[in-house]
Structure formats: structure tokens, C-alpha cells
Amino acid sequence: MTKKIIAFGASSSKTSINKQLATYTANLFENVSVEVLDLNDYEMPIFSVDKEKENGMHPLAKEFYTKIGSADLLIISLAEHNGNYSSAFKNILDWTSRINAKTFQEKPVLLLATSPGARGGSSVLEIANQRFPFQGAVVKGSFSLPSFNDNFDSTKAEITNLEYKQKLNNLVAQIDF
């Protein structure tokens, strides 16, 4: 049976560089099926216990949680907003954590981050590496691509910097799921 990768950029940007990186990385794996999620398909009201009490669990939270559960490997590329998760991703995480605090359901996860800046989203990557295991992620590795516009060709959808390309390829080769 073919293993399934669920990949997404943790951003609601229609031109998300993190979605590009997640898609690129997912396609480095061989003999798998890849499904790329768009966070815009899971836009919900800002989570509050009052909204949950009044309206129940949002159906998009249930759908997102089910998608996570269907994966053999999750590839999440985190956008960094003010040193932390994007509000779009955080809201989805808040909703789905009400279904199960172990949102990631003990799935293997490859964490990525990129940004136009030289730090490549390393602050949010550090936060996720520390936090996600508490939420049921089995973190298999992480990778930061700095200066996205200098190191990734969006037209060809690939990393152009050979050092970073090799580093990511080596990481992918080590991930067993």
C-alpha cells in the first residue's frame, strides 16, 4: 500500500513560500502519494470557548483533524509572523486541539520553515520543535531555508542553492515512516 504524505504551508497567503517549500519537499519522497492542503480551505472564526459552546465543534476543524489522521507523514512548513505561528495556522491548531489535545495523532512530522530573511523562520521552527511533541507530533527532523527569494526558484519549484538542496535531500533520505 502506498504511503500518504500530507503537506502544507502554515500560512493563509495565496502565494505562500512555505506552501511552495512543503510541496517541493513532499515531492522529494519516492513511491508515496502527496496531498497538499491549503489553509484557506480551513478558515474558521477565531476560536473561543464561547463559540464552541454556542455552535459546537466547527466542521472544518473536524475535517482538518481527519486529514491529519489520514497521513503516514506530515510535512509542515511554518510561516513566521512576529516570531511565532501565523494567526491562520494558530486558529486551526486551537480548534483542532479541542477535538484531541494530541492534534498530530502521534504522526511522524517533518518541520520546515522559510522566509525572505536570513534567519529563514528559525524562531517559529524552534517553537514548533519544542511544542509539537506535546501535541502528538513525532518530529523526525527540521529544516530552515533562509533568504527564500535567493535560494528557491518559484518558476522551477526547486531549491537552487546546492548546499541547502543537499542538506534537505540528506534529511529526507533519513526519514523512515
N, C-alpha and C. Protein backbone atom coordinates (compact mmCIF):
# COMPACT_ATOMS: atom_id res chain seq x y z
N MET A 1 0.84 -1.18 0.00
CA MET A 1 0.00 0.00 0.00
C MET A 1 0.89 1.25 0.00
N THR A 2 0.54 2.21 -0.82
CA THR A 2 1.31 3.45 -0.94
C THR A 2 1.12 4.30 0.31
N LYS A 3 2.22 4.81 0.81
CA LYS A 3 2.14 5.70 1.97
C LYS A 3 1.72 7.09 1.53
N LYS A 4 1.06 7.78 2.45
CA LYS A 4 0.47 9.09 2.14
C LYS A 4 1.16 10.20 2.93
N ILE A 5 1.56 11.23 2.21
CA ILE A 5 2.11 12.43 2.83
C ILE A 5 1.06 13.54 2.72
N ILE A 6 0.80 14.18 3.84
CA ILE A 6 0.00 15.41 3.86
C ILE A 6 1.00 16.54 4.09
N ALA A 7 1.00 17.52 3.19
CA ALA A 7 1.93 18.65 3.29
C ALA A 7 1.14 19.95 3.25
N PHE A 8 1.64 20.94 3.98
CA PHE A 8 1.04 22.27 3.88
C PHE A 8 1.99 23.34 4.40
N GLY A 9 1.78 24.53 3.88
CA GLY A 9 2.44 25.70 4.41
C GLY A 9 1.52 26.29 5.45
N ALA A 10 2.03 26.58 6.63
CA ALA A 10 1.21 27.07 7.73
C ALA A 10 1.01 28.58 7.60
N SER A 11 0.38 28.94 6.49
CA SER A 11 0.14 30.33 6.13
C SER A 11 -1.13 30.39 5.28
N SER A 12 -1.81 31.51 5.35
CA SER A 12 -3.00 31.68 4.52
C SER A 12 -2.70 32.51 3.26
N SER A 13 -1.45 32.82 3.04
CA SER A 13 -1.07 33.58 1.84
C SER A 13 -1.35 32.76 0.59
N LYS A 14 -1.98 33.38 -0.38
CA LYS A 14 -2.27 32.68 -1.64
C LYS A 14 -0.98 32.37 -2.42
N THR A 15 0.08 33.08 -2.12
CA THR A 15 1.37 32.84 -2.77
C THR A 15 2.41 32.38 -1.75
N SER A 16 1.98 31.59 -0.80
CA SER A 16 2.81 31.18 0.33
C SER A 16 4.12 30.51 -0.10
N ILE A 17 5.22 31.10 0.34
CA ILE A 17 6.52 30.49 0.07
C ILE A 17 6.68 29.21 0.90
N ASN A 18 6.02 29.16 2.04
CA ASN A 18 6.09 27.95 2.86
C ASN A 18 5.31 26.81 2.23
N LYS A 19 4.22 27.10 1.57
CA LYS A 19 3.49 26.06 0.85
C LYS A 19 4.35 25.54 -0.31
N GLN A 20 5.08 26.44 -0.96
CA GLN A 20 5.99 26.03 -2.03
C GLN A 20 7.07 25.10 -1.51
N LEU A 21 7.64 25.44 -0.35
CA LEU A 21 8.70 24.61 0.22
C LEU A 21 8.14 23.26 0.67
N ALA A 22 6.97 23.24 1.28
CA ALA A 22 6.36 21.99 1.73
C ALA A 22 6.06 21.08 0.54
N THR A 23 5.53 21.65 -0.52
CA THR A 23 5.20 20.88 -1.73
C THR A 23 6.47 20.31 -2.36
N TYR A 24 7.47 21.15 -2.50
CA TYR A 24 8.76 20.72 -3.05
C TYR A 24 9.32 19.54 -2.24
N THR A 25 9.32 19.69 -0.93
CA THR A 25 9.89 18.67 -0.05
C THR A 25 9.10 17.36 -0.13
N ALA A 26 7.78 17.45 -0.13
CA ALA A 26 6.95 16.25 -0.20
C ALA A 26 7.24 15.46 -1.48
N ASN A 27 7.52 16.18 -2.54
CA ASN A 27 7.78 15.53 -3.82
C ASN A 27 9.20 14.95 -3.94
N LEU A 28 10.03 15.15 -2.93
CA LEU A 28 11.35 14.51 -2.89
C LEU A 28 11.24 13.04 -2.49
N PHE A 29 10.15 12.69 -1.82
CA PHE A 29 9.95 11.30 -1.39
C PHE A 29 9.47 10.47 -2.58
N GLU A 30 9.92 9.23 -2.62
CA GLU A 30 9.55 8.34 -3.72
C GLU A 30 8.49 7.34 -3.29
N ASN A 31 7.68 6.93 -4.26
CA ASN A 31 6.66 5.89 -4.05
C ASN A 31 5.68 6.24 -2.94
N VAL A 32 5.22 7.49 -2.95
CA VAL A 32 4.24 7.96 -1.98
C VAL A 32 3.15 8.72 -2.73
N SER A 33 2.01 8.88 -2.08
CA SER A 33 1.02 9.82 -2.60
C SER A 33 1.13 11.09 -1.78
N VAL A 34 0.96 12.21 -2.42
CA VAL A 34 1.11 13.51 -1.76
C VAL A 34 -0.19 14.28 -1.90
N GLU A 35 -0.66 14.78 -0.77
CA GLU A 35 -1.81 15.70 -0.78
C GLU A 35 -1.35 16.99 -0.12
N VAL A 36 -1.49 18.08 -0.85
CA VAL A 36 -1.09 19.39 -0.34
C VAL A 36 -2.35 20.14 0.09
N LEU A 37 -2.38 20.53 1.35
CA LEU A 37 -3.52 21.26 1.88
C LEU A 37 -3.29 22.76 1.75
N ASP A 38 -4.38 23.49 1.63
CA ASP A 38 -4.36 24.95 1.60
C ASP A 38 -5.11 25.42 2.84
N LEU A 39 -4.45 26.15 3.71
CA LEU A 39 -5.10 26.60 4.95
C LEU A 39 -6.33 27.46 4.69
N ASN A 40 -6.42 28.07 3.53
CA ASN A 40 -7.60 28.87 3.20
C ASN A 40 -8.86 28.02 3.13
N ASP A 41 -8.70 26.72 2.91
CA ASP A 41 -9.84 25.80 2.88
C ASP A 41 -10.34 25.48 4.29
N TYR A 42 -9.62 25.95 5.31
CA TYR A 42 -9.97 25.65 6.70
C TYR A 42 -10.15 26.93 7.52
N GLU A 43 -10.58 27.98 6.86
CA GLU A 43 -10.77 29.25 7.56
C GLU A 43 -12.01 29.18 8.44
N MET A 44 -11.82 29.48 9.71
CA MET A 44 -12.89 29.41 10.71
C MET A 44 -12.90 30.69 11.53
N PRO A 45 -13.99 30.92 12.26
CA PRO A 45 -13.99 32.07 13.17
C PRO A 45 -12.87 31.91 14.19
N ILE A 46 -12.42 33.00 14.74
CA ILE A 46 -11.39 32.94 15.77
C ILE A 46 -11.93 32.10 16.92
N PHE A 47 -11.12 31.12 17.32
CA PHE A 47 -11.56 30.18 18.35
C PHE A 47 -11.85 30.89 19.66
N SER A 48 -12.93 30.48 20.30
CA SER A 48 -13.22 30.85 21.69
C SER A 48 -14.10 29.76 22.27
N VAL A 49 -13.99 29.56 23.57
CA VAL A 49 -14.82 28.54 24.21
C VAL A 49 -16.29 28.91 24.09
N ASP A 50 -16.58 30.20 24.04
CA ASP A 50 -17.98 30.63 23.88
C ASP A 50 -18.53 30.21 22.52
N LYS A 51 -17.74 30.41 21.46
CA LYS A 51 -18.19 29.99 20.12
C LYS A 51 -18.35 28.48 20.05
N GLU A 52 -17.43 27.77 20.67
CA GLU A 52 -17.53 26.31 20.69
C GLU A 52 -18.79 25.87 21.45
N LYS A 53 -19.06 26.52 22.54
CA LYS A 53 -20.24 26.18 23.36
C LYS A 53 -21.53 26.49 22.60
N GLU A 54 -21.57 27.63 21.93
CA GLU A 54 -22.78 28.05 21.20
C GLU A 54 -23.02 27.22 19.94
N ASN A 55 -21.94 26.93 19.20
CA ASN A 55 -22.09 26.31 17.88
C ASN A 55 -21.55 24.90 17.76
N GLY A 56 -20.88 24.42 18.79
CA GLY A 56 -20.26 23.10 18.72
C GLY A 56 -18.94 23.16 17.97
N MET A 57 -18.38 21.99 17.76
CA MET A 57 -17.10 21.91 17.06
C MET A 57 -17.30 22.28 15.60
N HIS A 58 -16.46 23.16 15.11
CA HIS A 58 -16.58 23.60 13.72
C HIS A 58 -16.29 22.43 12.78
N PRO A 59 -17.11 22.23 11.74
CA PRO A 59 -16.90 21.10 10.83
C PRO A 59 -15.54 21.13 10.11
N LEU A 60 -15.00 22.33 9.86
CA LEU A 60 -13.69 22.40 9.21
C LEU A 60 -12.57 21.92 10.13
N ALA A 61 -12.75 22.12 11.43
CA ALA A 61 -11.77 21.58 12.39
C ALA A 61 -11.80 20.06 12.35
N LYS A 62 -12.98 19.50 12.30
CA LYS A 62 -13.11 18.03 12.21
C LYS A 62 -12.48 17.52 10.92
N GLU A 63 -12.71 18.25 9.82
CA GLU A 63 -12.15 17.84 8.52
C GLU A 63 -10.62 17.89 8.56
N PHE A 64 -10.06 18.97 9.12
CA PHE A 64 -8.61 19.11 9.21
C PHE A 64 -8.02 17.99 10.07
N TYR A 65 -8.66 17.72 11.20
CA TYR A 65 -8.20 16.66 12.10
C TYR A 65 -8.22 15.30 11.39
N THR A 66 -9.24 15.05 10.61
CA THR A 66 -9.34 13.79 9.86
C THR A 66 -8.22 13.70 8.82
N LYS A 67 -7.93 14.81 8.15
CA LYS A 67 -6.83 14.82 7.17
C LYS A 67 -5.51 14.47 7.85
N ILE A 68 -5.25 15.07 9.00
CA ILE A 68 -4.03 14.78 9.75
C ILE A 68 -3.97 13.28 10.05
N GLY A 69 -5.08 12.74 10.48
CA GLY A 69 -5.14 11.32 10.83
C GLY A 69 -4.94 10.38 9.65
N SER A 70 -5.17 10.87 8.43
CA SER A 70 -5.04 10.02 7.24
C SER A 70 -3.60 9.94 6.73
N ALA A 71 -2.72 10.73 7.31
CA ALA A 71 -1.34 10.81 6.82
C ALA A 71 -0.44 9.74 7.45
N ASP A 72 0.53 9.30 6.67
CA ASP A 72 1.61 8.48 7.20
C ASP A 72 2.78 9.38 7.60
N LEU A 73 2.85 10.57 6.98
CA LEU A 73 3.87 11.57 7.30
C LEU A 73 3.27 12.94 7.04
N LEU A 74 3.51 13.85 7.97
CA LEU A 74 3.11 15.25 7.80
C LEU A 74 4.34 16.08 7.49
N ILE A 75 4.22 16.95 6.50
CA ILE A 75 5.27 17.93 6.21
C ILE A 75 4.64 19.29 6.38
N ILE A 76 5.13 20.02 7.37
CA ILE A 76 4.57 21.33 7.71
C ILE A 76 5.68 22.37 7.59
N SER A 77 5.46 23.35 6.73
CA SER A 77 6.40 24.45 6.60
C SER A 77 5.77 25.68 7.24
N LEU A 78 6.39 26.16 8.29
CA LEU A 78 5.82 27.20 9.14
C LEU A 78 6.20 28.60 8.69
N ALA A 79 5.19 29.40 8.45
CA ALA A 79 5.41 30.82 8.21
C ALA A 79 5.66 31.46 9.58
N GLU A 80 6.53 32.44 9.59
CA GLU A 80 6.83 33.12 10.85
C GLU A 80 6.22 34.51 10.84
N HIS A 81 5.30 34.73 11.76
CA HIS A 81 4.68 36.05 11.92
C HIS A 81 5.05 36.56 13.30
N ASN A 82 5.84 37.62 13.36
CA ASN A 82 6.29 38.19 14.62
C ASN A 82 6.93 37.13 15.53
N GLY A 83 7.73 36.26 14.92
CA GLY A 83 8.47 35.26 15.67
C GLY A 83 7.68 34.04 16.09
N ASN A 84 6.43 33.90 15.61
CA ASN A 84 5.59 32.79 16.03
C ASN A 84 4.77 32.28 14.86
N TYR A 85 3.83 31.35 15.14
CA TYR A 85 2.95 30.82 14.10
C TYR A 85 2.11 31.93 13.48
N SER A 86 1.69 31.72 12.24
CA SER A 86 0.74 32.65 11.62
C SER A 86 -0.59 32.51 12.36
N SER A 87 -1.38 33.57 12.38
CA SER A 87 -2.67 33.51 13.08
C SER A 87 -3.60 32.50 12.41
N ALA A 88 -3.50 32.34 11.10
CA ALA A 88 -4.35 31.36 10.40
C ALA A 88 -4.06 29.94 10.90
N PHE A 89 -2.78 29.59 11.01
CA PHE A 89 -2.42 28.27 11.49
C PHE A 89 -2.76 28.10 12.97
N LYS A 90 -2.46 29.10 13.76
CA LYS A 90 -2.73 29.03 15.20
C LYS A 90 -4.21 28.82 15.46
N ASN A 91 -5.07 29.46 14.69
CA ASN A 91 -6.51 29.30 14.87
C ASN A 91 -6.95 27.87 14.55
N ILE A 92 -6.42 27.31 13.47
CA ILE A 92 -6.74 25.91 13.12
C ILE A 92 -6.25 24.98 14.23
N LEU A 93 -5.05 25.23 14.71
CA LEU A 93 -4.49 24.44 15.80
C LEU A 93 -5.36 24.54 17.06
N ASP A 94 -5.82 25.76 17.37
CA ASP A 94 -6.67 25.95 18.55
C ASP A 94 -7.98 25.16 18.42
N TRP A 95 -8.61 25.22 17.26
CA TRP A 95 -9.86 24.48 17.06
C TRP A 95 -9.64 22.98 17.13
N THR A 96 -8.64 22.47 16.40
CA THR A 96 -8.45 21.02 16.35
C THR A 96 -7.96 20.45 17.68
N SER A 97 -7.27 21.26 18.47
CA SER A 97 -6.80 20.76 19.76
C SER A 97 -7.97 20.50 20.71
N ARG A 98 -9.13 21.05 20.40
CA ARG A 98 -10.31 20.79 21.22
C ARG A 98 -10.92 19.42 20.90
N ILE A 99 -10.61 18.90 19.74
CA ILE A 99 -11.03 17.54 19.38
C ILE A 99 -10.14 16.55 20.13
N ASN A 100 -8.83 16.83 20.11
CA ASN A 100 -7.85 15.98 20.77
C ASN A 100 -6.63 16.85 21.03
N ALA A 101 -6.20 16.92 22.28
CA ALA A 101 -5.01 17.71 22.62
C ALA A 101 -3.79 17.20 21.85
N LYS A 102 -3.80 15.94 21.48
CA LYS A 102 -2.74 15.35 20.66
C LYS A 102 -3.13 15.51 19.19
N THR A 103 -3.25 16.75 18.78
CA THR A 103 -3.72 17.12 17.44
C THR A 103 -3.04 16.35 16.32
N PHE A 104 -1.74 16.10 16.47
CA PHE A 104 -0.98 15.46 15.40
C PHE A 104 -1.03 13.94 15.46
N GLN A 105 -1.75 13.40 16.45
CA GLN A 105 -2.12 11.99 16.50
C GLN A 105 -0.95 11.02 16.40
N GLU A 106 0.18 11.42 16.99
CA GLU A 106 1.39 10.58 17.01
C GLU A 106 1.92 10.27 15.61
N LYS A 107 1.67 11.16 14.67
CA LYS A 107 2.16 11.01 13.30
C LYS A 107 3.59 11.54 13.21
N PRO A 108 4.41 10.91 12.36
CA PRO A 108 5.72 11.48 12.09
C PRO A 108 5.58 12.81 11.36
N VAL A 109 6.38 13.77 11.76
CA VAL A 109 6.29 15.12 11.21
C VAL A 109 7.68 15.61 10.81
N LEU A 110 7.76 16.19 9.62
CA LEU A 110 8.95 16.90 9.19
C LEU A 110 8.61 18.38 9.23
N LEU A 111 9.34 19.12 10.04
CA LEU A 111 9.09 20.55 10.21
C LEU A 111 10.04 21.36 9.34
N LEU A 112 9.47 22.31 8.62
CA LEU A 112 10.23 23.20 7.76
C LEU A 112 9.86 24.64 8.07
N ALA A 113 10.67 25.55 7.63
CA ALA A 113 10.34 26.97 7.68
C ALA A 113 11.20 27.69 6.66
N THR A 114 10.63 28.74 6.10
CA THR A 114 11.39 29.62 5.24
C THR A 114 10.84 31.02 5.37
N SER A 115 11.64 31.98 4.96
CA SER A 115 11.21 33.38 4.94
C SER A 115 12.12 34.12 3.96
N PRO A 116 11.74 35.33 3.60
CA PRO A 116 12.63 36.12 2.74
C PRO A 116 13.92 36.54 3.47
N GLY A 117 13.90 36.49 4.79
CA GLY A 117 15.04 36.95 5.59
C GLY A 117 16.09 35.88 5.82
N ALA A 118 17.19 36.32 6.35
CA ALA A 118 18.37 35.46 6.54
C ALA A 118 18.18 34.40 7.62
N ARG A 119 17.20 34.57 8.51
CA ARG A 119 17.00 33.58 9.58
C ARG A 119 16.06 32.45 9.15
N GLY A 120 15.37 32.61 8.03
CA GLY A 120 14.58 31.54 7.46
C GLY A 120 13.48 30.98 8.35
N GLY A 121 12.89 31.82 9.18
CA GLY A 121 11.82 31.34 10.06
C GLY A 121 12.32 30.49 11.21
N SER A 122 13.57 30.66 11.59
CA SER A 122 14.15 29.79 12.62
C SER A 122 13.49 29.96 13.99
N SER A 123 12.94 31.14 14.28
CA SER A 123 12.27 31.33 15.58
C SER A 123 11.03 30.46 15.70
N VAL A 124 10.19 30.46 14.68
CA VAL A 124 8.97 29.65 14.73
C VAL A 124 9.30 28.17 14.66
N LEU A 125 10.35 27.82 13.95
CA LEU A 125 10.78 26.43 13.86
C LEU A 125 11.21 25.92 15.24
N GLU A 126 11.92 26.75 15.98
CA GLU A 126 12.34 26.40 17.33
C GLU A 126 11.13 26.20 18.24
N ILE A 127 10.15 27.08 18.13
CA ILE A 127 8.94 26.96 18.95
C ILE A 127 8.22 25.65 18.62
N ALA A 128 8.05 25.36 17.34
CA ALA A 128 7.34 24.15 16.92
C ALA A 128 8.09 22.89 17.35
N ASN A 129 9.41 22.89 17.22
CA ASN A 129 10.19 21.72 17.64
C ASN A 129 10.00 21.42 19.13
N GLN A 130 9.82 22.45 19.92
CA GLN A 130 9.61 22.27 21.36
C GLN A 130 8.15 21.93 21.68
N ARG A 131 7.22 22.55 20.96
CA ARG A 131 5.79 22.44 21.32
C ARG A 131 5.08 21.24 20.69
N PHE A 132 5.35 20.96 19.43
CA PHE A 132 4.59 19.95 18.71
C PHE A 132 4.61 18.56 19.36
N PRO A 133 5.72 18.10 19.94
CA PRO A 133 5.67 16.79 20.60
C PRO A 133 4.59 16.70 21.69
N PHE A 134 4.34 17.80 22.38
CA PHE A 134 3.28 17.82 23.40
C PHE A 134 1.90 17.69 22.75
N GLN A 135 1.82 18.01 21.48
CA GLN A 135 0.56 17.93 20.75
C GLN A 135 0.51 16.70 19.84
N GLY A 136 1.32 15.71 20.16
CA GLY A 136 1.24 14.43 19.48
C GLY A 136 2.04 14.31 18.20
N ALA A 137 2.98 15.20 17.96
CA ALA A 137 3.83 15.09 16.78
C ALA A 137 5.08 14.30 17.12
N VAL A 138 5.45 13.38 16.25
CA VAL A 138 6.72 12.67 16.37
C VAL A 138 7.66 13.35 15.38
N VAL A 139 8.38 14.34 15.86
CA VAL A 139 9.22 15.17 14.98
C VAL A 139 10.42 14.36 14.52
N LYS A 140 10.49 14.16 13.21
CA LYS A 140 11.56 13.36 12.60
C LYS A 140 12.74 14.21 12.16
N GLY A 141 12.54 15.52 12.07
CA GLY A 141 13.61 16.40 11.65
C GLY A 141 13.06 17.77 11.33
N SER A 142 13.97 18.72 11.17
CA SER A 142 13.55 20.07 10.79
C SER A 142 14.60 20.69 9.88
N PHE A 143 14.13 21.65 9.10
CA PHE A 143 14.98 22.29 8.09
C PHE A 143 14.50 23.72 7.89
N SER A 144 15.44 24.64 7.88
CA SER A 144 15.14 26.05 7.62
C SER A 144 15.84 26.48 6.33
N LEU A 145 15.09 27.10 5.46
CA LEU A 145 15.66 27.66 4.23
C LEU A 145 15.66 29.19 4.35
N PRO A 146 16.82 29.78 4.58
CA PRO A 146 16.89 31.23 4.69
C PRO A 146 16.79 31.90 3.31
N SER A 147 16.48 33.18 3.34
CA SER A 147 16.50 34.02 2.13
C SER A 147 15.85 33.30 0.95
N PHE A 148 14.57 32.97 1.11
CA PHE A 148 13.83 32.18 0.13
C PHE A 148 14.03 32.67 -1.30
N ASN A 149 13.91 33.97 -1.51
CA ASN A 149 13.98 34.51 -2.88
C ASN A 149 15.35 34.34 -3.52
N ASP A 150 16.39 34.18 -2.71
CA ASP A 150 17.74 33.95 -3.23
C ASP A 150 18.06 32.47 -3.40
N ASN A 151 17.33 31.60 -2.70
CA ASN A 151 17.68 30.18 -2.66
C ASN A 151 16.63 29.23 -3.24
N PHE A 152 15.54 29.78 -3.75
CA PHE A 152 14.47 28.94 -4.30
C PHE A 152 13.96 29.60 -5.57
N ASP A 153 13.82 28.81 -6.62
CA ASP A 153 13.28 29.30 -7.88
C ASP A 153 11.82 28.88 -7.95
N SER A 154 10.91 29.83 -7.76
CA SER A 154 9.47 29.53 -7.75
C SER A 154 8.98 29.08 -9.11
N THR A 155 9.62 29.53 -10.18
CA THR A 155 9.21 29.12 -11.53
C THR A 155 9.49 27.63 -11.75
N LYS A 156 10.66 27.19 -11.31
CA LYS A 156 11.04 25.78 -11.45
C LYS A 156 10.61 24.95 -10.24
N ALA A 157 10.16 25.62 -9.18
CA ALA A 157 9.74 24.97 -7.94
C ALA A 157 10.84 24.08 -7.36
N GLU A 158 12.01 24.70 -7.15
CA GLU A 158 13.11 23.94 -6.56
C GLU A 158 14.11 24.85 -5.85
N ILE A 159 14.81 24.24 -4.90
CA ILE A 159 15.89 24.93 -4.21
C ILE A 159 17.06 25.06 -5.19
N THR A 160 17.60 26.26 -5.31
CA THR A 160 18.70 26.50 -6.25
C THR A 160 20.06 26.47 -5.56
N ASN A 161 20.10 26.74 -4.27
CA ASN A 161 21.35 26.71 -3.53
C ASN A 161 21.72 25.26 -3.28
N LEU A 162 22.84 24.82 -3.85
CA LEU A 162 23.22 23.41 -3.78
C LEU A 162 23.48 22.92 -2.36
N GLU A 163 24.01 23.76 -1.49
CA GLU A 163 24.26 23.37 -0.10
C GLU A 163 22.94 23.06 0.62
N TYR A 164 21.97 23.96 0.49
CA TYR A 164 20.67 23.74 1.14
C TYR A 164 19.91 22.58 0.50
N LYS A 165 20.03 22.46 -0.80
CA LYS A 165 19.38 21.36 -1.52
C LYS A 165 19.89 20.02 -1.01
N GLN A 166 21.22 19.89 -0.87
CA GLN A 166 21.82 18.65 -0.38
C GLN A 166 21.44 18.39 1.07
N LYS A 167 21.42 19.43 1.87
CA LYS A 167 21.06 19.29 3.28
C LYS A 167 19.63 18.74 3.41
N LEU A 168 18.71 19.28 2.61
CA LEU A 168 17.33 18.80 2.66
C LEU A 168 17.22 17.38 2.10
N ASN A 169 17.91 17.11 1.00
CA ASN A 169 17.90 15.75 0.43
C ASN A 169 18.42 14.72 1.44
N ASN A 170 19.48 15.06 2.16
CA ASN A 170 20.03 14.17 3.18
C ASN A 170 19.02 13.92 4.30
N LEU A 171 18.33 14.97 4.71
CA LEU A 171 17.32 14.84 5.75
C LEU A 171 16.18 13.92 5.29
N VAL A 172 15.70 14.15 4.10
CA VAL A 172 14.62 13.34 3.54
C VAL A 172 15.04 11.86 3.47
N ALA A 173 16.27 11.61 3.08
CA ALA A 173 16.77 10.23 2.95
C ALA A 173 16.80 9.51 4.30
N GLN A 174 16.92 10.26 5.38
CA GLN A 174 17.00 9.68 6.72
C GLN A 174 15.63 9.40 7.35
N ILE A 175 14.58 9.95 6.76
CA ILE A 175 13.25 9.83 7.38
C ILE A 175 12.60 8.52 6.97
N ASP A 176 12.35 7.72 7.98
CA ASP A 176 11.68 6.44 7.78
C ASP A 176 10.28 6.55 8.40
N PHE A 177 9.29 6.22 7.62
CA PHE A 177 7.91 6.27 8.14
C PHE A 177 7.07 5.17 7.55
